[in-house]
């Protein structure tokens, strides 16, 4: 199997300090958490940002501060969210691409999300695909159910998403596919040949889906965005804790860990963006 790419998602859009007082919220805390996770073995940092009140924001200056702080310390790949919760407008979401990250999320369909609705209309997805393609940003195709794979492939057939595709299966969100081994295998078998994939299991299912992904040849995402608990009844102290556990598990199961540069090669990232992250055109 190819080397294992570990993504760390430090905070997300839903978790709060009420869920876990160790959740990183400020730019400095987020950047430090990503750096510590890189030292533990993460190759990708998935970035959500918050305002001074701890609420979701799409403010590019806040993203920029996180980017600058991370890049001062390490070479981790930065994957910026284009969602930032259920509230941002389409224009706010598209503007994230102006920062020219190596990767950005591409949530491939509208769905019920907990008690709300996560809107990703066909028109918006085509605009987002075109923007990422123009800027050589690798779209991380987030699929919360198997229908979202088909949504993304319809857009790819229009020439707006380049191969090889990279999918992030998000299992266990209320409104999406449950986080079961059977569902994970079905998702992995439903993507085009030559694609890469990673998987998320939310809450109590994080470690189960991580383990299955390692064994099936996929990649993994961990962090407080997906579970604020390290194990049942024990709140996570840091995001690096999750990364360290996956490194140890992968070693036991015979998978080597990919460095950021090795992950860039596996994912076929465009080298033209290496020195442009955070630079607005």
Foldseek 3Di string as FASTA:
>chain_A
DAFFAEEEEQAAQPDDVVQPVLRDAALVSLLVQVLLLLVLFHQEYEDWHADPVSHGDLPLVRVLSNVVSNVVRDQHAYEYELQRDQDDDLVSSLCLCLLLGLAYEQAQAWWAFVPRIRHDDLVSSLVSLQSCVVSLHAYAYEYLALVSLVSVVVSVVVVSHDPPHEYEYEACTVGGHHLDLVRVVVNVVNHDPPHAYEYAHAEQCGVVRCLSQLVVVHYYYFYVNRYQAPHVPHGDNGSSSVSNVSCVSSVVVPHHGDHNVRVCVSNVGDPVSSPRRRPGD
